Amino acid sequence: MPSHISSSSIVKTVICQTLFLIVHSLLDILSESYIVSGEQVNITIFIQITGGHVTKPQLDRNNYSYAKAVYRLYQLVDTAQLKVVKNQLKLDIYSPAS
């Protein structure tokens, strides 16, 4: 081992990489649970918007699952039309623009 690399820095790196993999695995599991559960919703976009990561295989499963995608409605619809669209879709949702 090179003299400028301490064993504690290697341990810290391994711990960080392990935690990174655990968090990614948990987000995959969470994503999968929403796909197969009662409402069958695809929360992949929501996970990505909030800074999370879903692995490529899970992303593919989600995209081809025919589950309903979850997304921020106020980012898809003009602010002026938001209330109308929410009423048309019979949604009772929170949005910062409403």
PDB file of N, CA and C in Angstrom:
ATOM      1  N   MET A   1       0.854  -1.165   0.000  1.00  0.00           N
ATOM      2  CA  MET A   1       0.000   0.000   0.000  1.00  0.00           C
ATOM      3  C   MET A   1       0.907   1.238   0.000  1.00  0.00           C
ATOM      4  N   PRO A   2       0.611   2.233  -0.861  1.00  0.00           N
ATOM      5  CA  PRO A   2       1.411   3.458  -0.873  1.00  0.00           C
ATOM      6  C   PRO A   2       1.356   4.154   0.484  1.00  0.00           C
ATOM      7  N   SER A   3       2.423   4.848   0.813  1.00  0.00           N
ATOM      8  CA  SER A   3       2.521   5.460   2.132  1.00  0.00           C
ATOM      9  C   SER A   3       1.515   6.582   2.359  1.00  0.00           C
ATOM     10  N   HIS A   4       1.048   7.227   1.303  1.00  0.00           N
ATOM     11  CA  HIS A   4       0.104   8.338   1.468  1.00  0.00           C
ATOM     12  C   HIS A   4      -1.352   7.879   1.649  1.00  0.00           C
ATOM     13  N   ILE A   5      -1.612   6.592   1.548  1.00  0.00           N
ATOM     14  CA  ILE A   5      -2.964   6.061   1.744  1.00  0.00           C
ATOM     15  C   ILE A   5      -2.999   5.312   3.064  1.00  0.00           C
ATOM     16  N   SER A   6      -3.828   5.782   3.976  1.00  0.00           N
ATOM     17  CA  SER A   6      -3.921   5.124   5.283  1.00  0.00           C
ATOM     18  C   SER A   6      -4.991   4.043   5.241  1.00  0.00           C
ATOM     19  N   SER A   7      -4.881   3.113   6.153  1.00  0.00           N
ATOM     20  CA  SER A   7      -5.882   2.048   6.218  1.00  0.00           C
ATOM     21  C   SER A   7      -7.242   2.607   6.610  1.00  0.00           C
ATOM     22  N   SER A   8      -7.255   3.685   7.413  1.00  0.00           N
ATOM     23  CA  SER A   8      -8.547   4.271   7.794  1.00  0.00           C
ATOM     24  C   SER A   8      -9.240   4.914   6.594  1.00  0.00           C
ATOM     25  N   SER A   9      -8.475   5.496   5.669  1.00  0.00           N
ATOM     26  CA  SER A   9      -9.112   6.081   4.490  1.00  0.00           C
ATOM     27  C   SER A   9      -9.662   4.989   3.576  1.00  0.00           C
ATOM     28  N   ILE A  10      -9.006   3.846   3.539  1.00  0.00           N
ATOM     29  CA  ILE A  10      -9.514   2.718   2.747  1.00  0.00           C
ATOM     30  C   ILE A  10     -10.808   2.200   3.363  1.00  0.00           C
ATOM     31  N   VAL A  11     -10.832   2.087   4.686  1.00  0.00           N
ATOM     32  CA  VAL A  11     -12.036   1.628   5.388  1.00  0.00           C
ATOM     33  C   VAL A  11     -13.184   2.606   5.138  1.00  0.00           C
ATOM     34  N   LYS A  12     -12.908   3.902   5.229  1.00  0.00           N
ATOM     35  CA  LYS A  12     -13.941   4.914   4.973  1.00  0.00           C
ATOM     36  C   LYS A  12     -14.475   4.800   3.552  1.00  0.00           C
ATOM     37  N   THR A  13     -13.583   4.594   2.599  1.00  0.00           N
ATOM     38  CA  THR A  13     -13.993   4.450   1.201  1.00  0.00           C
ATOM     39  C   THR A  13     -14.882   3.225   1.015  1.00  0.00           C
ATOM     40  N   VAL A  14     -14.490   2.115   1.605  1.00  0.00           N
ATOM     41  CA  VAL A  14     -15.282   0.881   1.496  1.00  0.00           C
ATOM     42  C   VAL A  14     -16.651   1.073   2.137  1.00  0.00           C
ATOM     43  N   ILE A  15     -16.690   1.720   3.287  1.00  0.00           N
ATOM     44  CA  ILE A  15     -17.973   1.973   3.964  1.00  0.00           C
ATOM     45  C   ILE A  15     -18.858   2.862   3.103  1.00  0.00           C
ATOM     46  N   CYS A  16     -18.291   3.923   2.535  1.00  0.00           N
ATOM     47  CA  CYS A  16     -19.071   4.823   1.679  1.00  0.00           C
ATOM     48  C   CYS A  16     -19.616   4.087   0.451  1.00  0.00           C
ATOM     49  N   GLN A  17     -18.784   3.270  -0.175  1.00  0.00           N
ATOM     50  CA  GLN A  17     -19.232   2.516  -1.341  1.00  0.00           C
ATOM     51  C   GLN A  17     -20.320   1.515  -0.971  1.00  0.00           C
ATOM     52  N   THR A  18     -20.177   0.892   0.180  1.00  0.00           N
ATOM     53  CA  THR A  18     -21.190  -0.057   0.644  1.00  0.00           C
ATOM     54  C   THR A  18     -22.509   0.640   0.923  1.00  0.00           C
ATOM     55  N   LEU A  19     -22.454   1.774   1.616  1.00  0.00           N
ATOM     56  CA  LEU A  19     -23.678   2.545   1.885  1.00  0.00           C
ATOM     57  C   LEU A  19     -24.324   3.005   0.589  1.00  0.00           C
ATOM     58  N   PHE A  20     -23.522   3.428  -0.368  1.00  0.00           N
ATOM     59  CA  PHE A  20     -24.021   3.846  -1.675  1.00  0.00           C
ATOM     60  C   PHE A  20     -24.803   2.712  -2.327  1.00  0.00           C
ATOM     61  N   LEU A  21     -24.249   1.505  -2.304  1.00  0.00           N
ATOM     62  CA  LEU A  21     -24.923   0.344  -2.897  1.00  0.00           C
ATOM     63  C   LEU A  21     -26.194  -0.018  -2.133  1.00  0.00           C
ATOM     64  N   ILE A  22     -26.164   0.091  -0.816  1.00  0.00           N
ATOM     65  CA  ILE A  22     -27.346  -0.218  -0.006  1.00  0.00           C
ATOM     66  C   ILE A  22     -28.466   0.758  -0.320  1.00  0.00           C
ATOM     67  N   VAL A  23     -28.145   2.054  -0.380  1.00  0.00           N
ATOM     68  CA  VAL A  23     -29.166   3.061  -0.680  1.00  0.00           C
ATOM     69  C   VAL A  23     -29.754   2.818  -2.067  1.00  0.00           C
ATOM     70  N   HIS A  24     -28.903   2.521  -3.045  1.00  0.00           N
ATOM     71  CA  HIS A  24     -29.403   2.241  -4.390  1.00  0.00           C
ATOM     72  C   HIS A  24     -30.285   1.000  -4.393  1.00  0.00           C
ATOM     73  N   SER A  25     -29.877  -0.018  -3.658  1.00  0.00           N
ATOM     74  CA  SER A  25     -30.693  -1.231  -3.567  1.00  0.00           C
ATOM     75  C   SER A  25     -32.029  -0.939  -2.901  1.00  0.00           C
ATOM     76  N   LEU A  26     -32.019  -0.113  -1.862  1.00  0.00           N
ATOM     77  CA  LEU A  26     -33.267   0.241  -1.181  1.00  0.00           C
ATOM     78  C   LEU A  26     -34.200   1.023  -2.102  1.00  0.00           C
ATOM     79  N   LEU A  27     -33.648   1.923  -2.907  1.00  0.00           N
ATOM     80  CA  LEU A  27     -34.489   2.674  -3.844  1.00  0.00           C
ATOM     81  C   LEU A  27     -35.047   1.756  -4.931  1.00  0.00           C
ATOM     82  N   ASP A  28     -34.270   0.765  -5.362  1.00  0.00           N
ATOM     83  CA  ASP A  28     -34.787  -0.228  -6.303  1.00  0.00           C
ATOM     84  C   ASP A  28     -35.929  -1.017  -5.668  1.00  0.00           C
ATOM     85  N   ILE A  29     -35.743  -1.442  -4.432  1.00  0.00           N
ATOM     86  CA  ILE A  29     -36.778  -2.206  -3.723  1.00  0.00           C
ATOM     87  C   ILE A  29     -38.021  -1.354  -3.529  1.00  0.00           C
ATOM     88  N   LEU A  30     -37.836  -0.097  -3.115  1.00  0.00           N
ATOM     89  CA  LEU A  30     -38.971   0.811  -2.951  1.00  0.00           C
ATOM     90  C   LEU A  30     -39.703   0.999  -4.270  1.00  0.00           C
ATOM     91  N   SER A  31     -38.952   1.233  -5.313  1.00  0.00           N
ATOM     92  CA  SER A  31     -39.538   1.422  -6.641  1.00  0.00           C
ATOM     93  C   SER A  31     -40.326   0.179  -7.075  1.00  0.00           C
ATOM     94  N   GLU A  32     -39.738  -0.985  -6.883  1.00  0.00           N
ATOM     95  CA  GLU A  32     -40.392  -2.251  -7.248  1.00  0.00           C
ATOM     96  C   GLU A  32     -41.668  -2.454  -6.443  1.00  0.00           C
ATOM     97  N   SER A  33     -41.636  -2.097  -5.161  1.00  0.00           N
ATOM     98  CA  SER A  33     -42.816  -2.304  -4.322  1.00  0.00           C
ATOM     99  C   SER A  33     -44.002  -1.470  -4.797  1.00  0.00           C
ATOM    100  N   TYR A  34     -43.739  -0.262  -5.272  1.00  0.00           N
ATOM    101  CA  TYR A  34     -44.827   0.568  -5.788  1.00  0.00           C
ATOM    102  C   TYR A  34     -45.358   0.028  -7.115  1.00  0.00           C
ATOM    103  N   ILE A  35     -44.489  -0.590  -7.906  1.00  0.00           N
ATOM    104  CA  ILE A  35     -44.906  -1.158  -9.194  1.00  0.00           C
ATOM    105  C   ILE A  35     -45.854  -2.338  -8.985  1.00  0.00           C
ATOM    106  N   VAL A  36     -45.554  -3.200  -8.021  1.00  0.00           N
ATOM    107  CA  VAL A  36     -46.322  -4.430  -7.853  1.00  0.00           C
ATOM    108  C   VAL A  36     -47.437  -4.327  -6.823  1.00  0.00           C
ATOM    109  N   SER A  37     -47.466  -3.244  -6.051  1.00  0.00           N
ATOM    110  CA  SER A  37     -48.486  -3.119  -5.008  1.00  0.00           C
ATOM    111  C   SER A  37     -49.817  -2.649  -5.584  1.00  0.00           C
ATOM    112  N   GLY A  38     -50.782  -2.482  -4.742  1.00  0.00           N
ATOM    113  CA  GLY A  38     -52.156  -2.169  -5.110  1.00  0.00           C
ATOM    114  C   GLY A  38     -52.369  -1.144  -6.201  1.00  0.00           C
ATOM    115  N   GLU A  39     -51.802   0.049  -6.063  1.00  0.00           N
ATOM    116  CA  GLU A  39     -52.060   1.112  -7.031  1.00  0.00           C
ATOM    117  C   GLU A  39     -51.211   0.999  -8.291  1.00  0.00           C
ATOM    118  N   GLN A  40     -50.164   0.238  -8.253  1.00  0.00           N
ATOM    119  CA  GLN A  40     -49.245   0.039  -9.371  1.00  0.00           C
ATOM    120  C   GLN A  40     -48.817   1.365  -9.998  1.00  0.00           C
ATOM    121  N   VAL A  41     -47.996   2.091  -9.258  1.00  0.00           N
ATOM    122  CA  VAL A  41     -47.470   3.362  -9.747  1.00  0.00           C
ATOM    123  C   VAL A  41     -45.958   3.273  -9.921  1.00  0.00           C
ATOM    124  N   ASN A  42     -45.478   3.986 -10.925  1.00  0.00           N
ATOM    125  CA  ASN A  42     -44.060   4.034 -11.231  1.00  0.00           C
ATOM    126  C   ASN A  42     -43.508   5.331 -10.649  1.00  0.00           C
ATOM    127  N   ILE A  43     -42.721   5.226  -9.580  1.00  0.00           N
ATOM    128  CA  ILE A  43     -42.197   6.411  -8.904  1.00  0.00           C
ATOM    129  C   ILE A  43     -40.767   6.734  -9.334  1.00  0.00           C
ATOM    130  N   THR A  44     -40.312   6.138 -10.425  1.00  0.00           N
ATOM    131  CA  THR A  44     -38.938   6.351 -10.896  1.00  0.00           C
ATOM    132  C   THR A  44     -38.635   7.830 -11.100  1.00  0.00           C
ATOM    133  N   ILE A  45     -39.505   8.536 -11.791  1.00  0.00           N
ATOM    134  CA  ILE A  45     -39.277   9.956 -12.060  1.00  0.00           C
ATOM    135  C   ILE A  45     -39.184  10.724 -10.747  1.00  0.00           C
ATOM    136  N   PHE A  46     -40.070  10.425  -9.808  1.00  0.00           N
ATOM    137  CA  PHE A  46     -40.048  11.098  -8.508  1.00  0.00           C
ATOM    138  C   PHE A  46     -38.727  10.843  -7.787  1.00  0.00           C
ATOM    139  N   ILE A  47     -38.260   9.604  -7.814  1.00  0.00           N
ATOM    140  CA  ILE A  47     -36.987   9.267  -7.177  1.00  0.00           C
ATOM    141  C   ILE A  47     -35.857  10.064  -7.814  1.00  0.00           C
ATOM    142  N   GLN A  48     -35.859  10.154  -9.139  1.00  0.00           N
ATOM    143  CA  GLN A  48     -34.806  10.882  -9.837  1.00  0.00           C
ATOM    144  C   GLN A  48     -34.885  12.384  -9.571  1.00  0.00           C
ATOM    145  N   ILE A  49     -36.084  12.943  -9.532  1.00  0.00           N
ATOM    146  CA  ILE A  49     -36.253  14.371  -9.260  1.00  0.00           C
ATOM    147  C   ILE A  49     -35.700  14.727  -7.886  1.00  0.00           C
ATOM    148  N   THR A  50     -35.879  13.836  -6.934  1.00  0.00           N
ATOM    149  CA  THR A  50     -35.434  14.110  -5.566  1.00  0.00           C
ATOM    150  C   THR A  50     -33.971  13.736  -5.337  1.00  0.00           C
ATOM    151  N   GLY A  51     -33.264  13.374  -6.404  1.00  0.00           N
ATOM    152  CA  GLY A  51     -31.834  13.109  -6.301  1.00  0.00           C
ATOM    153  C   GLY A  51     -31.478  11.658  -6.089  1.00  0.00           C
ATOM    154  N   GLY A  52     -32.456  10.778  -6.104  1.00  0.00           N
ATOM    155  CA  GLY A  52     -32.184   9.359  -5.935  1.00  0.00           C
ATOM    156  C   GLY A  52     -31.781   8.707  -7.246  1.00  0.00           C
ATOM    157  N   HIS A  53     -31.381   7.469  -7.158  1.00  0.00           N
ATOM    158  CA  HIS A  53     -30.929   6.731  -8.338  1.00  0.00           C
ATOM    159  C   HIS A  53     -31.577   5.346  -8.334  1.00  0.00           C
ATOM    160  N   VAL A  54     -32.089   4.984  -9.486  1.00  0.00           N
ATOM    161  CA  VAL A  54     -32.622   3.636  -9.696  1.00  0.00           C
ATOM    162  C   VAL A  54     -31.705   2.970 -10.716  1.00  0.00           C
ATOM    163  N   THR A  55     -31.320   1.725 -10.466  1.00  0.00           N
ATOM    164  CA  THR A  55     -30.402   1.041 -11.376  1.00  0.00           C
ATOM    165  C   THR A  55     -31.059   0.837 -12.742  1.00  0.00           C
ATOM    166  N   LYS A  56     -30.248   0.653 -13.759  1.00  0.00           N
ATOM    167  CA  LYS A  56     -30.737   0.468 -15.132  1.00  0.00           C
ATOM    168  C   LYS A  56     -31.697  -0.716 -15.241  1.00  0.00           C
ATOM    169  N   PRO A  57     -31.367  -1.886 -14.675  1.00  0.00           N
ATOM    170  CA  PRO A  57     -32.325  -3.003 -14.772  1.00  0.00           C
ATOM    171  C   PRO A  57     -33.680  -2.671 -14.127  1.00  0.00           C
ATOM    172  N   GLN A  58     -33.666  -1.989 -12.972  1.00  0.00           N
ATOM    173  CA  GLN A  58     -34.922  -1.614 -12.317  1.00  0.00           C
ATOM    174  C   GLN A  58     -35.657  -0.568 -13.143  1.00  0.00           C
ATOM    175  N   LEU A  59     -34.915   0.369 -13.698  1.00  0.00           N
ATOM    176  CA  LEU A  59     -35.513   1.391 -14.560  1.00  0.00           C
ATOM    177  C   LEU A  59     -36.229   0.741 -15.739  1.00  0.00           C
ATOM    178  N   ASP A  60     -35.587  -0.249 -16.355  1.00  0.00           N
ATOM    179  CA  ASP A  60     -36.209  -0.962 -17.475  1.00  0.00           C
ATOM    180  C   ASP A  60     -37.473  -1.698 -17.038  1.00  0.00           C
ATOM    181  N   ARG A  61     -37.403  -2.391 -15.892  1.00  0.00           N
ATOM    182  CA  ARG A  61     -38.595  -3.094 -15.391  1.00  0.00           C
ATOM    183  C   ARG A  61     -39.735  -2.104 -15.139  1.00  0.00           C
ATOM    184  N   ASN A  62     -39.395  -0.962 -14.549  1.00  0.00           N
ATOM    185  CA  ASN A  62     -40.416   0.045 -14.254  1.00  0.00           C
ATOM    186  C   ASN A  62     -41.037   0.595 -15.534  1.00  0.00           C
ATOM    187  N   ASN A  63     -40.194   0.897 -16.514  1.00  0.00           N
ATOM    188  CA  ASN A  63     -40.693   1.501 -17.744  1.00  0.00           C
ATOM    189  C   ASN A  63     -41.595   0.566 -18.542  1.00  0.00           C
ATOM    190  N   TYR A  64     -41.370  -0.722 -18.431  1.00  0.00           N
ATOM    191  CA  TYR A  64     -42.181  -1.685 -19.188  1.00  0.00           C
ATOM    192  C   TYR A  64     -43.221  -2.387 -18.316  1.00  0.00           C
ATOM    193  N   SER A  65     -43.523  -1.813 -17.165  1.00  0.00           N
ATOM    194  CA  SER A  65     -44.448  -2.443 -16.229  1.00  0.00           C
ATOM    195  C   SER A  65     -45.902  -2.043 -16.465  1.00  0.00           C
ATOM    196  N   TYR A  66     -46.124  -1.027 -17.269  1.00  0.00           N
ATOM    197  CA  TYR A  66     -47.465  -0.468 -17.518  1.00  0.00           C
ATOM    198  C   TYR A  66     -48.070   0.160 -16.269  1.00  0.00           C
ATOM    199  N   ALA A  67     -47.242   0.439 -15.273  1.00  0.00           N
ATOM    200  CA  ALA A  67     -47.723   1.140 -14.078  1.00  0.00           C
ATOM    201  C   ALA A  67     -47.882   2.624 -14.406  1.00  0.00           C
ATOM    202  N   LYS A  68     -48.717   3.287 -13.627  1.00  0.00           N
ATOM    203  CA  LYS A  68     -48.947   4.723 -13.822  1.00  0.00           C
ATOM    204  C   LYS A  68     -47.733   5.496 -13.333  1.00  0.00           C
ATOM    205  N   ALA A  69     -47.233   6.402 -14.168  1.00  0.00           N
ATOM    206  CA  ALA A  69     -46.077   7.218 -13.786  1.00  0.00           C
ATOM    207  C   ALA A  69     -46.512   8.330 -12.836  1.00  0.00           C
ATOM    208  N   VAL A  70     -45.683   8.613 -11.855  1.00  0.00           N
ATOM    209  CA  VAL A  70     -45.927   9.692 -10.905  1.00  0.00           C
ATOM    210  C   VAL A  70     -45.004  10.844 -11.277  1.00  0.00           C
ATOM    211  N   TYR A  71     -45.591  12.033 -11.417  1.00  0.00           N
ATOM    212  CA  TYR A  71     -44.816  13.215 -11.775  1.00  0.00           C
ATOM    213  C   TYR A  71     -45.495  14.440 -11.203  1.00  0.00           C
ATOM    214  N   ARG A  72     -44.775  15.516 -11.088  1.00  0.00           N
ATOM    215  CA  ARG A  72     -45.328  16.752 -10.563  1.00  0.00           C
ATOM    216  C   ARG A  72     -46.230  17.394 -11.612  1.00  0.00           C
ATOM    217  N   LEU A  73     -47.517  17.401 -11.348  1.00  0.00           N
ATOM    218  CA  LEU A  73     -48.475  17.929 -12.308  1.00  0.00           C
ATOM    219  C   LEU A  73     -48.198  19.393 -12.629  1.00  0.00           C
ATOM    220  N   TYR A  74     -47.816  20.180 -11.636  1.00  0.00           N
ATOM    221  CA  TYR A  74     -47.591  21.599 -11.873  1.00  0.00           C
ATOM    222  C   TYR A  74     -46.398  21.856 -12.796  1.00  0.00           C
ATOM    223  N   GLN A  75     -45.565  20.833 -13.045  1.00  0.00           N
ATOM    224  CA  GLN A  75     -44.472  20.977 -13.990  1.00  0.00           C
ATOM    225  C   GLN A  75     -44.889  20.551 -15.397  1.00  0.00           C
ATOM    226  N   LEU A  76     -46.037  19.925 -15.510  1.00  0.00           N
ATOM    227  CA  LEU A  76     -46.531  19.486 -16.813  1.00  0.00           C
ATOM    228  C   LEU A  76     -47.581  20.427 -17.395  1.00  0.00           C
ATOM    229  N   VAL A  77     -48.237  21.180 -16.522  1.00  0.00           N
ATOM    230  CA  VAL A  77     -49.386  21.995 -16.920  1.00  0.00           C
ATOM    231  C   VAL A  77     -49.119  23.449 -16.555  1.00  0.00           C
ATOM    232  N   ASP A  78     -49.564  24.372 -17.416  1.00  0.00           N
ATOM    233  CA  ASP A  78     -49.450  25.795 -17.099  1.00  0.00           C
ATOM    234  C   ASP A  78     -50.171  26.092 -15.791  1.00  0.00           C
ATOM    235  N   THR A  79     -49.640  27.032 -15.043  1.00  0.00           N
ATOM    236  CA  THR A  79     -50.232  27.406 -13.761  1.00  0.00           C
ATOM    237  C   THR A  79     -51.691  27.810 -13.920  1.00  0.00           C
ATOM    238  N   ALA A  80     -51.996  28.519 -15.004  1.00  0.00           N
ATOM    239  CA  ALA A  80     -53.368  28.972 -15.241  1.00  0.00           C
ATOM    240  C   ALA A  80     -54.327  27.802 -15.444  1.00  0.00           C
ATOM    241  N   GLN A  81     -53.841  26.693 -15.942  1.00  0.00           N
ATOM    242  CA  GLN A  81     -54.688  25.533 -16.242  1.00  0.00           C
ATOM    243  C   GLN A  81     -54.665  24.470 -15.136  1.00  0.00           C
ATOM    244  N   LEU A  82     -53.834  24.651 -14.141  1.00  0.00           N
ATOM    245  CA  LEU A  82     -53.623  23.611 -13.136  1.00  0.00           C
ATOM    246  C   LEU A  82     -54.905  23.201 -12.428  1.00  0.00           C
ATOM    247  N   LYS A  83     -55.684  24.169 -11.940  1.00  0.00           N
ATOM    248  CA  LYS A  83     -56.918  23.822 -11.226  1.00  0.00           C
ATOM    249  C   LYS A  83     -57.895  23.086 -12.125  1.00  0.00           C
ATOM    250  N   VAL A  84     -58.015  23.545 -13.361  1.00  0.00           N
ATOM    251  CA  VAL A  84     -58.931  22.915 -14.314  1.00  0.00           C
ATOM    252  C   VAL A  84     -58.530  21.462 -14.557  1.00  0.00           C
ATOM    253  N   VAL A  85     -57.236  21.239 -14.794  1.00  0.00           N
ATOM    254  CA  VAL A  85     -56.750  19.879 -15.067  1.00  0.00           C
ATOM    255  C   VAL A  85     -56.915  18.991 -13.831  1.00  0.00           C
ATOM    256  N   LYS A  86     -56.610  19.523 -12.650  1.00  0.00           N
ATOM    257  CA  LYS A  86     -56.796  18.749 -11.424  1.00  0.00           C
ATOM    258  C   LYS A  86     -58.254  18.326 -11.267  1.00  0.00           C
ATOM    259  N   ASN A  87     -59.176  19.237 -11.569  1.00  0.00           N
ATOM    260  CA  ASN A  87     -60.605  18.905 -11.470  1.00  0.00           C
ATOM    261  C   ASN A  87     -61.012  17.884 -12.527  1.00  0.00           C
ATOM    262  N   GLN A  88     -60.505  18.051 -13.738  1.00  0.00           N
ATOM    263  CA  GLN A  88     -60.836  17.106 -14.807  1.00  0.00           C
ATOM    264  C   GLN A  88     -60.336  15.697 -14.481  1.00  0.00           C
ATOM    265  N   LEU A  89     -59.170  15.625 -13.873  1.00  0.00           N
ATOM    266  CA  LEU A  89     -58.593  14.325 -13.516  1.00  0.00           C
ATOM    267  C   LEU A  89     -59.090  13.811 -12.167  1.00  0.00           C
ATOM    268  N   LYS A  90     -59.913  14.641 -11.501  1.00  0.00           N
ATOM    269  CA  LYS A  90     -60.445  14.308 -10.178  1.00  0.00           C
ATOM    270  C   LYS A  90     -59.327  14.005  -9.188  1.00  0.00           C
ATOM    271  N   LEU A  91     -58.354  14.922  -9.181  1.00  0.00           N
ATOM    272  CA  LEU A  91     -57.200  14.765  -8.296  1.00  0.00           C
ATOM    273  C   LEU A  91     -57.357  15.657  -7.075  1.00  0.00           C
ATOM    274  N   ASP A  92     -57.015  15.094  -5.947  1.00  0.00           N
ATOM    275  CA  ASP A  92     -56.968  15.871  -4.716  1.00  0.00           C
ATOM    276  C   ASP A  92     -55.507  15.829  -4.267  1.00  0.00           C
ATOM    277  N   ILE A  93     -54.720  16.697  -4.892  1.00  0.00           N
ATOM    278  CA  ILE A  93     -53.275  16.658  -4.649  1.00  0.00           C
ATOM    279  C   ILE A  93     -52.767  18.017  -4.222  1.00  0.00           C
ATOM    280  N   TYR A  94     -51.643  18.001  -3.576  1.00  0.00           N
ATOM    281  CA  TYR A  94     -50.956  19.218  -3.182  1.00  0.00           C
ATOM    282  C   TYR A  94     -50.032  19.640  -4.315  1.00  0.00           C
ATOM    283  N   SER A  95     -49.997  20.908  -4.614  1.00  0.00           N
ATOM    284  CA  SER A  95     -48.970  21.441  -5.487  1.00  0.00           C
ATOM    285  C   SER A  95     -48.674  22.859  -5.045  1.00  0.00           C
ATOM    286  N   PRO A  96     -47.425  23.252  -5.048  1.00  0.00           N
ATOM    287  CA  PRO A  96     -47.067  24.582  -4.576  1.00  0.00           C
ATOM    288  C   PRO A  96     -47.633  25.683  -5.450  1.00  0.00           C
ATOM    289  N   ALA A  97     -48.027  25.361  -6.681  1.00  0.00           N
ATOM    290  CA  ALA A  97     -48.554  26.378  -7.591  1.00  0.00           C
ATOM    291  C   ALA A  97     -50.050  26.551  -7.484  1.00  0.00           C
ATOM    292  N   SER A  98     -50.727  25.754  -6.647  1.00  0.00           N
ATOM    293  CA  SER A  98     -52.197  25.880  -6.586  1.00  0.00           C
ATOM    294  C   SER A  98     -52.650  26.774  -5.484  1.00  0.00           C
TER     295      SER A  98
END
